[in-house]
């Protein structure tokens, strides 16, 4: 049973991370996708404010001189695709590791029997 927990726990953490909405989603909801539609920072949580400099550095959020920001939609898509690919590869590697480490055949029967 411990092996199953070791597998499920990291997957649940990854699911929670993917489900979280960050500052980019708030800017997208406001329609800030070009310099003409740039907005000042909406009400952000401390965690979201902490993410802002990294997003600007990666080019996902573009900061204008007047303190407004907008989302570089293409950079945001690239970042999302990269995260999904990394998680897909990690999932495949995890599945292979589980398959290789899980008891097979008569070992499994003996383990289940007690």
Protein backbone atom coordinates (compact mmCIF):
# COMPACT_ATOMS: atom_id res chain seq x y z
CA UNK A 1 0.00 0.00 0.00
CA UNK A 2 2.93 2.30 0.68
CA UNK A 3 4.05 2.02 -2.96
CA UNK A 4 0.69 3.27 -4.13
CA UNK A 5 0.91 6.25 -1.78
CA UNK A 6 4.38 7.06 -3.03
CA UNK A 7 2.95 7.26 -6.54
CA UNK A 8 -0.28 9.09 -5.81
CA UNK A 9 1.11 11.78 -3.51
CA UNK A 10 3.40 13.45 -6.10
CA UNK A 11 0.66 13.21 -8.72
CA UNK A 12 -1.77 14.99 -6.42
CA UNK A 13 0.75 17.75 -5.76
CA UNK A 14 1.29 18.19 -9.51
CA UNK A 15 -2.47 18.31 -10.08
CA UNK A 16 -2.83 21.01 -7.42
CA UNK A 17 -0.02 23.05 -8.98
CA UNK A 18 -1.58 22.84 -12.44
CA UNK A 19 -5.01 23.77 -11.12
CA UNK A 20 -3.77 26.93 -9.41
CA UNK A 21 -4.52 30.11 -11.26
CA UNK A 22 -1.77 32.66 -11.24
CA UNK A 23 -1.49 36.32 -12.14
CA UNK A 24 -1.52 35.52 -15.88
CA UNK A 25 -5.09 34.24 -15.68
CA UNK A 26 -6.20 37.48 -14.03
CA UNK A 27 -4.57 39.59 -16.74
CA UNK A 28 -6.13 37.37 -19.42
CA UNK A 29 -9.55 37.75 -17.78
CA UNK A 30 -9.09 41.52 -18.01
CA UNK A 31 -8.19 41.20 -21.70
CA UNK A 32 -4.62 42.52 -21.25
CA UNK A 33 -3.08 40.82 -24.29
CA UNK A 34 -1.42 43.75 -26.09
CA UNK A 35 0.16 47.09 -25.15
CA UNK A 36 -3.04 48.98 -25.95
CA UNK A 37 -5.03 46.83 -23.51
CA UNK A 38 -2.34 46.63 -20.79
CA UNK A 39 -3.56 46.91 -17.21
CA UNK A 40 -2.15 47.75 -13.83
CA UNK A 41 -1.80 44.81 -11.50
CA UNK A 42 -5.20 43.53 -10.45
CA UNK A 43 -5.72 42.44 -6.85
CA UNK A 44 -3.15 39.70 -6.44
CA UNK A 45 -2.36 37.40 -3.56
CA UNK A 46 1.11 37.44 -2.03
CA UNK A 47 2.00 34.27 -3.93
CA UNK A 48 0.89 35.80 -7.21
CA UNK A 49 2.86 38.98 -6.54
CA UNK A 50 5.89 36.80 -5.85
CA UNK A 51 5.47 35.16 -9.30
CA UNK A 52 5.34 38.46 -11.20
CA UNK A 53 9.11 39.16 -11.53
CA UNK A 54 9.76 35.63 -12.80
CA UNK A 55 6.95 35.89 -15.35
CA UNK A 56 8.34 39.22 -16.56
CA UNK A 57 11.84 37.73 -16.80
CA UNK A 58 10.49 34.80 -18.87
CA UNK A 59 8.64 37.16 -21.17
CA UNK A 60 5.18 35.85 -20.27
CA UNK A 61 4.19 39.20 -18.76
CA UNK A 62 5.45 42.34 -20.44
CA UNK A 63 5.96 45.37 -18.19
CA UNK A 64 5.41 48.79 -19.69
CA UNK A 65 7.14 51.95 -18.44
CA UNK A 66 3.93 53.33 -16.96
CA UNK A 67 3.48 50.38 -14.56
CA UNK A 68 1.00 48.47 -16.68
CA UNK A 69 1.40 44.85 -17.81
CA UNK A 70 0.08 42.65 -20.57
CA UNK A 71 0.33 38.94 -21.38
CA UNK A 72 2.53 37.73 -24.21
CA UNK A 73 0.04 35.06 -25.29
CA UNK A 74 2.54 33.10 -27.39
CA UNK A 75 5.10 32.95 -24.56
CA UNK A 76 2.32 31.86 -22.19
CA UNK A 77 1.34 29.04 -24.57
CA UNK A 78 4.96 27.93 -24.90
CA UNK A 79 5.34 27.86 -21.11
CA UNK A 80 2.14 25.82 -20.67
CA UNK A 81 3.22 23.36 -23.39
CA UNK A 82 6.63 22.98 -21.74
CA UNK A 83 5.06 22.25 -18.35
CA UNK A 84 2.64 19.73 -19.87
CA UNK A 85 5.47 17.97 -21.73
CA UNK A 86 7.61 17.76 -18.59
CA UNK A 87 4.68 16.33 -16.63
CA UNK A 88 3.90 13.85 -19.41
CA UNK A 89 7.50 12.61 -19.48
CA UNK A 90 7.55 12.41 -15.68
CA UNK A 91 4.28 10.46 -15.75
CA UNK A 92 5.62 7.96 -18.28
CA UNK A 93 8.84 7.52 -16.28
CA UNK A 94 6.81 7.04 -13.11
CA UNK A 95 4.59 4.45 -14.79
CA UNK A 96 7.65 2.55 -16.06
CA UNK A 97 9.26 2.67 -12.60
CA UNK A 98 6.07 1.39 -10.96
CA UNK A 99 5.79 -1.40 -13.50
CA UNK A 100 9.40 -2.45 -12.95
CA UNK A 101 9.23 -2.23 -9.16
CA UNK A 102 5.77 -3.75 -8.63
CA UNK A 103 5.89 -7.45 -7.73
CA UNK A 104 4.88 -9.74 -10.60
CA UNK A 105 3.69 -13.31 -10.90
CA UNK A 106 4.13 -15.67 -7.94
CA UNK A 107 5.78 -12.92 -5.89
CA UNK A 108 2.61 -10.84 -6.11
CA UNK A 109 0.41 -13.80 -5.12
CA UNK A 110 2.64 -14.51 -2.12
CA UNK A 111 2.54 -10.83 -1.12
CA UNK A 112 -1.25 -10.71 -1.34
CA UNK A 113 -1.65 -13.98 0.52
CA UNK A 114 0.07 -12.59 3.46
